[in-house]
Amino acid sequence: MNVLGLFNYWIVVILMMAGFYVVIAQENMIKKLVGLNVFQVAVFVFYISMSKIDGATAPILGDEFEVYANPLPHVLILTAIVVGVATTALGLALIVRIRDAYDTVEDDEIQRIEETEA
């Protein structure tokens, strides 16, 4: 198997590392949330890539079809996308509340404020 045949897995690795880097390297909470979403998309692409079967068709019963693809991974990814959108909305709502309370969304500034108040 050649390297170009595994192109989608290379994309998954690049997206995962980019999202992971953003989560670790950034102090801004909104940027961290975006990094988590990039990482989540990488997991979606990985899961769908693994479920791909060459020459398979939708699970329609018939004599002309020999290999069937399982639709369950695609349904699970659709569910995960909905959960991801809801989680992102909740994260953004929390960031808005943190911004109201501390007047910033930077982790280091919030930690400094907490240390001076304690």
PDB file of N, CA and C in Angstrom:
ATOM      1  N   MET A   1       0.841  -1.169   0.000  1.00  0.00           N
ATOM      2  CA  MET A   1       0.000   0.000   0.000  1.00  0.00           C
ATOM      3  C   MET A   1       0.895   1.243   0.000  1.00  0.00           C
ATOM      4  N   ASN A   2       0.643   2.140  -0.924  1.00  0.00           N
ATOM      5  CA  ASN A   2       1.495   3.325  -1.023  1.00  0.00           C
ATOM      6  C   ASN A   2       1.020   4.434  -0.079  1.00  0.00           C
ATOM      7  N   VAL A   3       1.877   5.416   0.077  1.00  0.00           N
ATOM      8  CA  VAL A   3       1.604   6.505   1.019  1.00  0.00           C
ATOM      9  C   VAL A   3       0.428   7.357   0.548  1.00  0.00           C
ATOM     10  N   LEU A   4       0.310   7.582  -0.749  1.00  0.00           N
ATOM     11  CA  LEU A   4      -0.785   8.404  -1.257  1.00  0.00           C
ATOM     12  C   LEU A   4      -2.134   7.714  -1.113  1.00  0.00           C
ATOM     13  N   GLY A   5      -2.130   6.395  -1.007  1.00  0.00           N
ATOM     14  CA  GLY A   5      -3.371   5.668  -0.780  1.00  0.00           C
ATOM     15  C   GLY A   5      -3.912   5.896   0.621  1.00  0.00           C
ATOM     16  N   LEU A   6      -3.080   6.394   1.495  1.00  0.00           N
ATOM     17  CA  LEU A   6      -3.480   6.666   2.875  1.00  0.00           C
ATOM     18  C   LEU A   6      -3.645   8.160   3.122  1.00  0.00           C
ATOM     19  N   PHE A   7      -4.008   8.904   2.077  1.00  0.00           N
ATOM     20  CA  PHE A   7      -4.098  10.362   2.150  1.00  0.00           C
ATOM     21  C   PHE A   7      -5.050  10.822   3.246  1.00  0.00           C
ATOM     22  N   ASN A   8      -6.206  10.171   3.365  1.00  0.00           N
ATOM     23  CA  ASN A   8      -7.172  10.615   4.368  1.00  0.00           C
ATOM     24  C   ASN A   8      -6.638  10.434   5.789  1.00  0.00           C
ATOM     25  N   TYR A   9      -5.812   9.435   6.017  1.00  0.00           N
ATOM     26  CA  TYR A   9      -5.235   9.252   7.346  1.00  0.00           C
ATOM     27  C   TYR A   9      -4.176  10.316   7.639  1.00  0.00           C
ATOM     28  N   TRP A  10      -3.457  10.746   6.619  1.00  0.00           N
ATOM     29  CA  TRP A  10      -2.506  11.848   6.806  1.00  0.00           C
ATOM     30  C   TRP A  10      -3.251  13.128   7.179  1.00  0.00           C
ATOM     31  N   ILE A  11      -4.385  13.357   6.537  1.00  0.00           N
ATOM     32  CA  ILE A  11      -5.202  14.527   6.866  1.00  0.00           C
ATOM     33  C   ILE A  11      -5.681  14.442   8.309  1.00  0.00           C
ATOM     34  N   VAL A  12      -6.077  13.251   8.748  1.00  0.00           N
ATOM     35  CA  VAL A  12      -6.522  13.062  10.129  1.00  0.00           C
ATOM     36  C   VAL A  12      -5.398  13.407  11.100  1.00  0.00           C
ATOM     37  N   VAL A  13      -4.209  12.920  10.836  1.00  0.00           N
ATOM     38  CA  VAL A  13      -3.075  13.188  11.730  1.00  0.00           C
ATOM     39  C   VAL A  13      -2.760  14.682  11.768  1.00  0.00           C
ATOM     40  N   ILE A  14      -2.765  15.330  10.623  1.00  0.00           N
ATOM     41  CA  ILE A  14      -2.469  16.768  10.571  1.00  0.00           C
ATOM     42  C   ILE A  14      -3.527  17.563  11.340  1.00  0.00           C
ATOM     43  N   LEU A  15      -4.810  17.227  11.123  1.00  0.00           N
ATOM     44  CA  LEU A  15      -5.877  17.938  11.835  1.00  0.00           C
ATOM     45  C   LEU A  15      -5.803  17.696  13.340  1.00  0.00           C
ATOM     46  N   MET A  16      -5.520  16.452  13.734  1.00  0.00           N
ATOM     47  CA  MET A  16      -5.424  16.155  15.172  1.00  0.00           C
ATOM     48  C   MET A  16      -4.287  16.932  15.822  1.00  0.00           C
ATOM     49  N   MET A  17      -3.131  16.937  15.185  1.00  0.00           N
ATOM     50  CA  MET A  17      -1.990  17.638  15.769  1.00  0.00           C
ATOM     51  C   MET A  17      -2.213  19.151  15.784  1.00  0.00           C
ATOM     52  N   ALA A  18      -2.854  19.682  14.744  1.00  0.00           N
ATOM     53  CA  ALA A  18      -3.136  21.121  14.716  1.00  0.00           C
ATOM     54  C   ALA A  18      -4.113  21.497  15.829  1.00  0.00           C
ATOM     55  N   GLY A  19      -5.177  20.719  15.974  1.00  0.00           N
ATOM     56  CA  GLY A  19      -6.142  20.998  17.040  1.00  0.00           C
ATOM     57  C   GLY A  19      -5.537  20.853  18.416  1.00  0.00           C
ATOM     58  N   PHE A  20      -4.727  19.820  18.610  1.00  0.00           N
ATOM     59  CA  PHE A  20      -4.073  19.592  19.896  1.00  0.00           C
ATOM     60  C   PHE A  20      -3.103  20.725  20.220  1.00  0.00           C
ATOM     61  N   TYR A  21      -2.371  21.192  19.220  1.00  0.00           N
ATOM     62  CA  TYR A  21      -1.433  22.292  19.413  1.00  0.00           C
ATOM     63  C   TYR A  21      -2.165  23.566  19.824  1.00  0.00           C
ATOM     64  N   VAL A  22      -3.277  23.858  19.165  1.00  0.00           N
ATOM     65  CA  VAL A  22      -4.033  25.072  19.485  1.00  0.00           C
ATOM     66  C   VAL A  22      -4.551  25.001  20.918  1.00  0.00           C
ATOM     67  N   VAL A  23      -5.037  23.845  21.341  1.00  0.00           N
ATOM     68  CA  VAL A  23      -5.558  23.707  22.702  1.00  0.00           C
ATOM     69  C   VAL A  23      -4.454  23.939  23.730  1.00  0.00           C
ATOM     70  N   ILE A  24      -3.267  23.421  23.468  1.00  0.00           N
ATOM     71  CA  ILE A  24      -2.183  23.531  24.441  1.00  0.00           C
ATOM     72  C   ILE A  24      -1.486  24.895  24.375  1.00  0.00           C
ATOM     73  N   ALA A  25      -1.273  25.440  23.200  1.00  0.00           N
ATOM     74  CA  ALA A  25      -0.425  26.613  23.043  1.00  0.00           C
ATOM     75  C   ALA A  25      -1.154  27.937  23.264  1.00  0.00           C
ATOM     76  N   GLN A  26      -2.445  27.972  23.067  1.00  0.00           N
ATOM     77  CA  GLN A  26      -3.170  29.242  23.150  1.00  0.00           C
ATOM     78  C   GLN A  26      -3.678  29.505  24.558  1.00  0.00           C
ATOM     79  N   GLU A  27      -3.705  30.765  24.941  1.00  0.00           N
ATOM     80  CA  GLU A  27      -4.257  31.172  26.233  1.00  0.00           C
ATOM     81  C   GLU A  27      -5.693  31.671  26.098  1.00  0.00           C
ATOM     82  N   ASN A  28      -6.110  32.016  24.894  1.00  0.00           N
ATOM     83  CA  ASN A  28      -7.451  32.525  24.651  1.00  0.00           C
ATOM     84  C   ASN A  28      -8.432  31.351  24.647  1.00  0.00           C
ATOM     85  N   MET A  29      -9.507  31.468  25.409  1.00  0.00           N
ATOM     86  CA  MET A  29     -10.464  30.366  25.538  1.00  0.00           C
ATOM     87  C   MET A  29     -11.235  30.099  24.252  1.00  0.00           C
ATOM     88  N   ILE A  30     -11.505  31.128  23.485  1.00  0.00           N
ATOM     89  CA  ILE A  30     -12.217  30.919  22.220  1.00  0.00           C
ATOM     90  C   ILE A  30     -11.334  30.152  21.247  1.00  0.00           C
ATOM     91  N   LYS A  31     -10.057  30.471  21.212  1.00  0.00           N
ATOM     92  CA  LYS A  31      -9.132  29.743  20.346  1.00  0.00           C
ATOM     93  C   LYS A  31      -9.003  28.293  20.792  1.00  0.00           C
ATOM     94  N   LYS A  32      -9.023  28.061  22.100  1.00  0.00           N
ATOM     95  CA  LYS A  32      -8.983  26.685  22.601  1.00  0.00           C
ATOM     96  C   LYS A  32     -10.218  25.913  22.171  1.00  0.00           C
ATOM     97  N   LEU A  33     -11.369  26.558  22.203  1.00  0.00           N
ATOM     98  CA  LEU A  33     -12.605  25.909  21.776  1.00  0.00           C
ATOM     99  C   LEU A  33     -12.563  25.577  20.285  1.00  0.00           C
ATOM    100  N   VAL A  34     -12.000  26.470  19.495  1.00  0.00           N
ATOM    101  CA  VAL A  34     -11.835  26.191  18.060  1.00  0.00           C
ATOM    102  C   VAL A  34     -10.880  25.011  17.860  1.00  0.00           C
ATOM    103  N   GLY A  35      -9.796  24.960  18.648  1.00  0.00           N
ATOM    104  CA  GLY A  35      -8.867  23.834  18.565  1.00  0.00           C
ATOM    105  C   GLY A  35      -9.534  22.522  18.910  1.00  0.00           C
ATOM    106  N   LEU A  36     -10.404  22.522  19.918  1.00  0.00           N
ATOM    107  CA  LEU A  36     -11.153  21.308  20.251  1.00  0.00           C
ATOM    108  C   LEU A  36     -12.063  20.880  19.113  1.00  0.00           C
ATOM    109  N   ASN A  37     -12.663  21.846  18.430  1.00  0.00           N
ATOM    110  CA  ASN A  37     -13.521  21.521  17.287  1.00  0.00           C
ATOM    111  C   ASN A  37     -12.712  20.947  16.127  1.00  0.00           C
ATOM    112  N   VAL A  38     -11.527  21.473  15.894  1.00  0.00           N
ATOM    113  CA  VAL A  38     -10.664  20.917  14.836  1.00  0.00           C
ATOM    114  C   VAL A  38     -10.290  19.475  15.172  1.00  0.00           C
ATOM    115  N   PHE A  39      -9.940  19.233  16.424  1.00  0.00           N
ATOM    116  CA  PHE A  39      -9.613  17.874  16.860  1.00  0.00           C
ATOM    117  C   PHE A  39     -10.816  16.952  16.683  1.00  0.00           C
ATOM    118  N   GLN A  40     -11.998  17.440  17.005  1.00  0.00           N
ATOM    119  CA  GLN A  40     -13.213  16.650  16.871  1.00  0.00           C
ATOM    120  C   GLN A  40     -13.492  16.297  15.406  1.00  0.00           C
ATOM    121  N   VAL A  41     -13.268  17.243  14.511  1.00  0.00           N
ATOM    122  CA  VAL A  41     -13.453  16.976  13.084  1.00  0.00           C
ATOM    123  C   VAL A  41     -12.475  15.902  12.616  1.00  0.00           C
ATOM    124  N   ALA A  42     -11.255  15.915  13.146  1.00  0.00           N
ATOM    125  CA  ALA A  42     -10.281  14.881  12.791  1.00  0.00           C
ATOM    126  C   ALA A  42     -10.778  13.504  13.209  1.00  0.00           C
ATOM    127  N   VAL A  43     -11.388  13.413  14.363  1.00  0.00           N
ATOM    128  CA  VAL A  43     -11.935  12.128  14.810  1.00  0.00           C
ATOM    129  C   VAL A  43     -13.079  11.698  13.896  1.00  0.00           C
ATOM    130  N   PHE A  44     -13.914  12.632  13.483  1.00  0.00           N
ATOM    131  CA  PHE A  44     -15.002  12.302  12.556  1.00  0.00           C
ATOM    132  C   PHE A  44     -14.460  11.757  11.241  1.00  0.00           C
ATOM    133  N   VAL A  45     -13.473  12.445  10.680  1.00  0.00           N
ATOM    134  CA  VAL A  45     -12.882  12.013   9.407  1.00  0.00           C
ATOM    135  C   VAL A  45     -12.243  10.633   9.559  1.00  0.00           C
ATOM    136  N   PHE A  46     -11.566  10.406  10.668  1.00  0.00           N
ATOM    137  CA  PHE A  46     -10.942   9.106  10.922  1.00  0.00           C
ATOM    138  C   PHE A  46     -11.991   7.998  10.988  1.00  0.00           C
ATOM    139  N   TYR A  47     -13.057   8.231  11.708  1.00  0.00           N
ATOM    140  CA  TYR A  47     -14.093   7.218  11.876  1.00  0.00           C
ATOM    141  C   TYR A  47     -14.769   6.903  10.543  1.00  0.00           C
ATOM    142  N   ILE A  48     -15.058   7.932   9.756  1.00  0.00           N
ATOM    143  CA  ILE A  48     -15.698   7.705   8.458  1.00  0.00           C
ATOM    144  C   ILE A  48     -14.724   7.025   7.492  1.00  0.00           C
ATOM    145  N   SER A  49     -13.426   7.377   7.564  1.00  0.00           N
ATOM    146  CA  SER A  49     -12.430   6.745   6.697  1.00  0.00           C
ATOM    147  C   SER A  49     -12.313   5.253   6.974  1.00  0.00           C
ATOM    148  N   MET A  50     -12.420   4.887   8.233  1.00  0.00           N
ATOM    149  CA  MET A  50     -12.321   3.472   8.584  1.00  0.00           C
ATOM    150  C   MET A  50     -13.540   2.683   8.116  1.00  0.00           C
ATOM    151  N   SER A  51     -14.681   3.348   7.979  1.00  0.00           N
ATOM    152  CA  SER A  51     -15.896   2.626   7.611  1.00  0.00           C
ATOM    153  C   SER A  51     -16.063   2.464   6.103  1.00  0.00           C
ATOM    154  N   LYS A  52     -15.190   3.080   5.318  1.00  0.00           N
ATOM    155  CA  LYS A  52     -15.276   2.987   3.864  1.00  0.00           C
ATOM    156  C   LYS A  52     -14.845   1.607   3.391  1.00  0.00           C
ATOM    157  N   ILE A  53     -15.681   0.972   2.562  1.00  0.00           N
ATOM    158  CA  ILE A  53     -15.388  -0.336   1.988  1.00  0.00           C
ATOM    159  C   ILE A  53     -15.430  -0.198   0.471  1.00  0.00           C
ATOM    160  N   ASP A  54     -14.341  -0.549  -0.194  1.00  0.00           N
ATOM    161  CA  ASP A  54     -14.290  -0.441  -1.653  1.00  0.00           C
ATOM    162  C   ASP A  54     -15.277  -1.414  -2.297  1.00  0.00           C
ATOM    163  N   GLY A  55     -16.061  -0.917  -3.212  1.00  0.00           N
ATOM    164  CA  GLY A  55     -16.995  -1.747  -3.953  1.00  0.00           C
ATOM    165  C   GLY A  55     -18.271  -2.072  -3.209  1.00  0.00           C
ATOM    166  N   ALA A  56     -18.458  -1.517  -2.041  1.00  0.00           N
ATOM    167  CA  ALA A  56     -19.664  -1.811  -1.266  1.00  0.00           C
ATOM    168  C   ALA A  56     -20.789  -0.856  -1.639  1.00  0.00           C
ATOM    169  N   THR A  57     -22.002  -1.319  -1.468  1.00  0.00           N
ATOM    170  CA  THR A  57     -23.180  -0.505  -1.751  1.00  0.00           C
ATOM    171  C   THR A  57     -23.981  -0.328  -0.472  1.00  0.00           C
ATOM    172  N   ALA A  58     -25.011   0.485  -0.557  1.00  0.00           N
ATOM    173  CA  ALA A  58     -25.915   0.656   0.577  1.00  0.00           C
ATOM    174  C   ALA A  58     -26.585  -0.687   0.874  1.00  0.00           C
ATOM    175  N   PRO A  59     -26.974  -0.922   2.096  1.00  0.00           N
ATOM    176  CA  PRO A  59     -27.552  -2.222   2.451  1.00  0.00           C
ATOM    177  C   PRO A  59     -28.960  -2.412   1.895  1.00  0.00           C
ATOM    178  N   ILE A  60     -29.028  -2.573   0.573  1.00  0.00           N
ATOM    179  CA  ILE A  60     -30.289  -2.831  -0.118  1.00  0.00           C
ATOM    180  C   ILE A  60     -30.253  -4.289  -0.551  1.00  0.00           C
ATOM    181  N   LEU A  61     -31.232  -5.036  -0.120  1.00  0.00           N
ATOM    182  CA  LEU A  61     -31.246  -6.457  -0.446  1.00  0.00           C
ATOM    183  C   LEU A  61     -31.567  -6.651  -1.917  1.00  0.00           C
ATOM    184  N   GLY A  62     -30.748  -7.438  -2.555  1.00  0.00           N
ATOM    185  CA  GLY A  62     -30.942  -7.738  -3.958  1.00  0.00           C
ATOM    186  C   GLY A  62     -29.897  -8.738  -4.422  1.00  0.00           C
ATOM    187  N   ASP A  63     -30.188  -9.435  -5.504  1.00  0.00           N
ATOM    188  CA  ASP A  63     -29.267 -10.450  -5.999  1.00  0.00           C
ATOM    189  C   ASP A  63     -28.034  -9.844  -6.664  1.00  0.00           C
ATOM    190  N   GLU A  64     -28.146  -8.626  -7.195  1.00  0.00           N
ATOM    191  CA  GLU A  64     -27.024  -8.025  -7.908  1.00  0.00           C
ATOM    192  C   GLU A  64     -25.977  -7.423  -6.971  1.00  0.00           C
ATOM    193  N   PHE A  65     -26.273  -7.303  -5.682  1.00  0.00           N
ATOM    194  CA  PHE A  65     -25.328  -6.735  -4.723  1.00  0.00           C
ATOM    195  C   PHE A  65     -24.648  -7.839  -3.935  1.00  0.00           C
ATOM    196  N   GLU A  66     -23.328  -7.729  -3.792  1.00  0.00           N
ATOM    197  CA  GLU A  66     -22.578  -8.747  -3.059  1.00  0.00           C
ATOM    198  C   GLU A  66     -21.983  -8.217  -1.759  1.00  0.00           C
ATOM    199  N   VAL A  67     -21.463  -6.972  -1.796  1.00  0.00           N
ATOM    200  CA  VAL A  67     -20.802  -6.407  -0.621  1.00  0.00           C
ATOM    201  C   VAL A  67     -21.622  -5.212  -0.144  1.00  0.00           C
ATOM    202  N   TYR A  68     -21.928  -5.214   1.138  1.00  0.00           N
ATOM    203  CA  TYR A  68     -22.721  -4.138   1.716  1.00  0.00           C
ATOM    204  C   TYR A  68     -21.877  -3.310   2.670  1.00  0.00           C
ATOM    205  N   ALA A  69     -22.163  -2.007   2.721  1.00  0.00           N
ATOM    206  CA  ALA A  69     -21.507  -1.113   3.665  1.00  0.00           C
ATOM    207  C   ALA A  69     -22.429  -0.909   4.864  1.00  0.00           C
ATOM    208  N   ASN A  70     -21.846  -0.871   6.025  1.00  0.00           N
ATOM    209  CA  ASN A  70     -22.611  -0.664   7.243  1.00  0.00           C
ATOM    210  C   ASN A  70     -22.925   0.826   7.397  1.00  0.00           C
ATOM    211  N   PRO A  71     -24.197   1.216   7.491  1.00  0.00           N
ATOM    212  CA  PRO A  71     -24.530   2.641   7.629  1.00  0.00           C
ATOM    213  C   PRO A  71     -24.386   3.159   9.059  1.00  0.00           C
ATOM    214  N   LEU A  72     -24.154   2.287  10.018  1.00  0.00           N
ATOM    215  CA  LEU A  72     -24.097   2.702  11.415  1.00  0.00           C
ATOM    216  C   LEU A  72     -23.002   3.742  11.707  1.00  0.00           C
ATOM    217  N   PRO A  73     -21.769   3.606  11.180  1.00  0.00           N
ATOM    218  CA  PRO A  73     -20.763   4.650  11.465  1.00  0.00           C
ATOM    219  C   PRO A  73     -21.181   6.037  10.990  1.00  0.00           C
ATOM    220  N   HIS A  74     -21.830   6.120   9.860  1.00  0.00           N
ATOM    221  CA  HIS A  74     -22.247   7.420   9.350  1.00  0.00           C
ATOM    222  C   HIS A  74     -23.349   8.021  10.223  1.00  0.00           C
ATOM    223  N   VAL A  75     -24.251   7.177  10.702  1.00  0.00           N
ATOM    224  CA  VAL A  75     -25.307   7.653  11.591  1.00  0.00           C
ATOM    225  C   VAL A  75     -24.706   8.110  12.916  1.00  0.00           C
ATOM    226  N   LEU A  76     -23.735   7.378  13.426  1.00  0.00           N
ATOM    227  CA  LEU A  76     -23.090   7.775  14.671  1.00  0.00           C
ATOM    228  C   LEU A  76     -22.352   9.108  14.518  1.00  0.00           C
ATOM    229  N   ILE A  77     -21.735   9.325  13.369  1.00  0.00           N
ATOM    230  CA  ILE A  77     -21.039  10.589  13.142  1.00  0.00           C
ATOM    231  C   ILE A  77     -22.032  11.745  13.049  1.00  0.00           C
ATOM    232  N   LEU A  78     -23.176  11.523  12.424  1.00  0.00           N
ATOM    233  CA  LEU A  78     -24.196  12.575  12.395  1.00  0.00           C
ATOM    234  C   LEU A  78     -24.643  12.936  13.807  1.00  0.00           C
ATOM    235  N   THR A  79     -24.826  11.925  14.643  1.00  0.00           N
ATOM    236  CA  THR A  79     -25.185  12.175  16.034  1.00  0.00           C
ATOM    237  C   THR A  79     -24.066  12.920  16.757  1.00  0.00           C
ATOM    238  N   ALA A  80     -22.822  12.525  16.504  1.00  0.00           N
ATOM    239  CA  ALA A  80     -21.680  13.179  17.143  1.00  0.00           C
ATOM    240  C   ALA A  80     -21.556  14.635  16.695  1.00  0.00           C
ATOM    241  N   ILE A  81     -21.896  14.932  15.460  1.00  0.00           N
ATOM    242  CA  ILE A  81     -21.857  16.309  14.976  1.00  0.00           C
ATOM    243  C   ILE A  81     -22.879  17.164  15.734  1.00  0.00           C
ATOM    244  N   VAL A  82     -24.074  16.630  15.930  1.00  0.00           N
ATOM    245  CA  VAL A  82     -25.099  17.360  16.675  1.00  0.00           C
ATOM    246  C   VAL A  82     -24.646  17.602  18.112  1.00  0.00           C
ATOM    247  N   VAL A  83     -24.082  16.579  18.747  1.00  0.00           N
ATOM    248  CA  VAL A  83     -23.578  16.730  20.105  1.00  0.00           C
ATOM    249  C   VAL A  83     -22.428  17.738  20.139  1.00  0.00           C
ATOM    250  N   GLY A  84     -21.553  17.707  19.126  1.00  0.00           N
ATOM    251  CA  GLY A  84     -20.448  18.654  19.059  1.00  0.00           C
ATOM    252  C   GLY A  84     -20.921  20.089  18.925  1.00  0.00           C
ATOM    253  N   VAL A  85     -21.943  20.323  18.130  1.00  0.00           N
ATOM    254  CA  VAL A  85     -22.488  21.678  17.983  1.00  0.00           C
ATOM    255  C   VAL A  85     -23.079  22.156  19.304  1.00  0.00           C
ATOM    256  N   ALA A  86     -23.801  21.270  19.989  1.00  0.00           N
ATOM    257  CA  ALA A  86     -24.379  21.638  21.284  1.00  0.00           C
ATOM    258  C   ALA A  86     -23.283  21.917  22.317  1.00  0.00           C
ATOM    259  N   THR A  87     -22.229  21.110  22.306  1.00  0.00           N
ATOM    260  CA  THR A  87     -21.125  21.316  23.233  1.00  0.00           C
ATOM    261  C   THR A  87     -20.405  22.634  22.943  1.00  0.00           C
ATOM    262  N   THR A  88     -20.237  22.951  21.678  1.00  0.00           N
ATOM    263  CA  THR A  88     -19.611  24.220  21.304  1.00  0.00           C
ATOM    264  C   THR A  88     -20.463  25.403  21.748  1.00  0.00           C
ATOM    265  N   ALA A  89     -21.773  25.290  21.580  1.00  0.00           N
ATOM    266  CA  ALA A  89     -22.665  26.367  22.022  1.00  0.00           C
ATOM    267  C   ALA A  89     -22.580  26.547  23.535  1.00  0.00           C
ATOM    268  N   LEU A  90     -22.536  25.452  24.267  1.00  0.00           N
ATOM    269  CA  LEU A  90     -22.404  25.546  25.723  1.00  0.00           C
ATOM    270  C   LEU A  90     -21.061  26.170  26.109  1.00  0.00           C
ATOM    271  N   GLY A  91     -19.990  25.759  25.428  1.00  0.00           N
ATOM    272  CA  GLY A  91     -18.676  26.328  25.695  1.00  0.00           C
ATOM    273  C   GLY A  91     -18.636  27.819  25.431  1.00  0.00           C
ATOM    274  N   LEU A  92     -19.245  28.249  24.342  1.00  0.00           N
ATOM    275  CA  LEU A  92     -19.288  29.682  24.039  1.00  0.00           C
ATOM    276  C   LEU A  92     -20.118  30.447  25.064  1.00  0.00           C
ATOM    277  N   ALA A  93     -21.214  29.848  25.533  1.00  0.00           N
ATOM    278  CA  ALA A  93     -22.022  30.493  26.568  1.00  0.00           C
ATOM    279  C   ALA A  93     -21.218  30.638  27.861  1.00  0.00           C
ATOM    280  N   LEU A  94     -20.448  29.621  28.220  1.00  0.00           N
ATOM    281  CA  LEU A  94     -19.605  29.711  29.404  1.00  0.00           C
ATOM    282  C   LEU A  94     -18.524  30.777  29.248  1.00  0.00           C
ATOM    283  N   ILE A  95     -17.971  30.874  28.058  1.00  0.00           N
ATOM    284  CA  ILE A  95     -16.952  31.899  27.808  1.00  0.00           C
ATOM    285  C   ILE A  95     -17.552  33.301  27.936  1.00  0.00           C
ATOM    286  N   VAL A  96     -18.776  33.473  27.474  1.00  0.00           N
ATOM    287  CA  VAL A  96     -19.447  34.772  27.622  1.00  0.00           C
ATOM    288  C   VAL A  96     -19.623  35.109  29.099  1.00  0.00           C
ATOM    289  N   ARG A  97     -20.038  34.134  29.905  1.00  0.00           N
ATOM    290  CA  ARG A  97     -20.193  34.374  31.347  1.00  0.00           C
ATOM    291  C   ARG A  97     -18.848  34.671  32.003  1.00  0.00           C
ATOM    292  N   ILE A  98     -17.793  33.971  31.601  1.00  0.00           N
ATOM    293  CA  ILE A  98     -16.461  34.238  32.148  1.00  0.00           C
ATOM    294  C   ILE A  98     -16.013  35.638  31.754  1.00  0.00           C
ATOM    295  N   ARG A  99     -16.296  36.037  30.539  1.00  0.00           N
ATOM    296  CA  ARG A  99     -15.943  37.394  30.071  1.00  0.00           C
ATOM    297  C   ARG A  99     -16.667  38.454  30.889  1.00  0.00           C
ATOM    298  N   ASP A 100     -17.941  38.190  31.213  1.00  0.00           N
ATOM    299  CA  ASP A 100     -18.693  39.141  32.045  1.00  0.00           C
ATOM    300  C   ASP A 100     -18.111  39.234  33.453  1.00  0.00           C
ATOM    301  N   ALA A 101     -17.674  38.109  33.990  1.00  0.00           N
ATOM    302  CA  ALA A 101     -17.181  38.077  35.375  1.00  0.00           C
ATOM    303  C   ALA A 101     -15.773  38.638  35.509  1.00  0.00           C
ATOM    304  N   TYR A 102     -14.891  38.328  34.551  1.00  0.00           N
ATOM    305  CA  TYR A 102     -13.484  38.703  34.681  1.00  0.00           C
ATOM    306  C   TYR A 102     -13.039  39.778  33.690  1.00  0.00           C
ATOM    307  N   ASP A 103     -13.881  40.122  32.742  1.00  0.00           N
ATOM    308  CA  ASP A 103     -13.567  41.114  31.714  1.00  0.00           C
ATOM    309  C   ASP A 103     -12.398  40.680  30.823  1.00  0.00           C
ATOM    310  N   THR A 104     -12.190  39.381  30.702  1.00  0.00           N
ATOM    311  CA  THR A 104     -11.163  38.833  29.814  1.00  0.00           C
ATOM    312  C   THR A 104     -11.481  37.367  29.524  1.00  0.00           C
ATOM    313  N   VAL A 105     -10.894  36.849  28.454  1.00  0.00           N
ATOM    314  CA  VAL A 105     -11.029  35.422  28.140  1.00  0.00           C
ATOM    315  C   VAL A 105      -9.664  34.742  28.061  1.00  0.00           C
ATOM    316  N   GLU A 106      -8.648  35.406  28.575  1.00  0.00           N
ATOM    317  CA  GLU A 106      -7.291  34.853  28.594  1.00  0.00           C
ATOM    318  C   GLU A 106      -7.074  34.074  29.891  1.00  0.00           C
ATOM    319  N   ASP A 107      -6.572  32.847  29.775  1.00  0.00           N
ATOM    320  CA  ASP A 107      -6.376  31.979  30.940  1.00  0.00           C
ATOM    321  C   ASP A 107      -5.416  32.579  31.963  1.00  0.00           C
ATOM    322  N   ASP A 108      -4.292  33.090  31.491  1.00  0.00           N
ATOM    323  CA  ASP A 108      -3.288  33.603  32.428  1.00  0.00           C
ATOM    324  C   ASP A 108      -3.784  34.836  33.179  1.00  0.00           C
ATOM    325  N   GLU A 109      -4.555  35.694  32.517  1.00  0.00           N
ATOM    326  CA  GLU A 109      -5.102  36.868  33.190  1.00  0.00           C
ATOM    327  C   GLU A 109      -6.141  36.476  34.241  1.00  0.00           C
ATOM    328  N   ILE A 110      -6.975  35.498  33.921  1.00  0.00           N
ATOM    329  CA  ILE A 110      -7.980  35.025  34.881  1.00  0.00           C
ATOM    330  C   ILE A 110      -7.296  34.405  36.096  1.00  0.00           C
ATOM    331  N   GLN A 111      -6.254  33.638  35.857  1.00  0.00           N
ATOM    332  CA  GLN A 111      -5.524  33.036  36.969  1.00  0.00           C
ATOM    333  C   GLN A 111      -4.865  34.110  37.843  1.00  0.00           C
ATOM    334  N   ARG A 112      -4.317  35.147  37.222  1.00  0.00           N
ATOM    335  CA  ARG A 112      -3.707  36.242  37.973  1.00  0.00           C
ATOM    336  C   ARG A 112      -4.744  36.975  38.804  1.00  0.00           C
ATOM    337  N   ILE A 113      -5.932  37.204  38.239  1.00  0.00           N
ATOM    338  CA  ILE A 113      -7.021  37.859  38.966  1.00  0.00           C
ATOM    339  C   ILE A 113      -7.434  37.003  40.158  1.00  0.00           C
ATOM    340  N   GLU A 114      -7.566  35.713  39.956  1.00  0.00           N
ATOM    341  CA  GLU A 114      -7.949  34.801  41.052  1.00  0.00           C
ATOM    342  C   GLU A 114      -6.918  34.789  42.154  1.00  0.00           C
ATOM    343  N   GLU A 115      -5.644  34.838  41.807  1.00  0.00           N
ATOM    344  CA  GLU A 115      -4.580  34.806  42.807  1.00  0.00           C
ATOM    345  C   GLU A 115      -4.546  36.104  43.627  1.00  0.00           C
ATOM    346  N   THR A 116      -4.823  37.240  42.979  1.00  0.00           N
ATOM    347  CA  THR A 116      -4.795  38.506  43.715  1.00  0.00           C
ATOM    348  C   THR A 116      -6.012  38.640  44.620  1.00  0.00           C
ATOM    349  N   GLU A 117      -7.147  38.033  44.261  1.00  0.00           N
ATOM    350  CA  GLU A 117      -8.335  38.100  45.105  1.00  0.00           C
ATOM    351  C   GLU A 117      -8.258  37.161  46.292  1.00  0.00           C
ATOM    352  N   ALA A 118      -7.478  36.100  46.198  1.00  0.00           N
ATOM    353  CA  ALA A 118      -7.430  35.102  47.274  1.00  0.00           C
ATOM    354  C   ALA A 118      -6.537  35.496  48.406  1.00  0.00           C
TER     355      ALA A 118
END
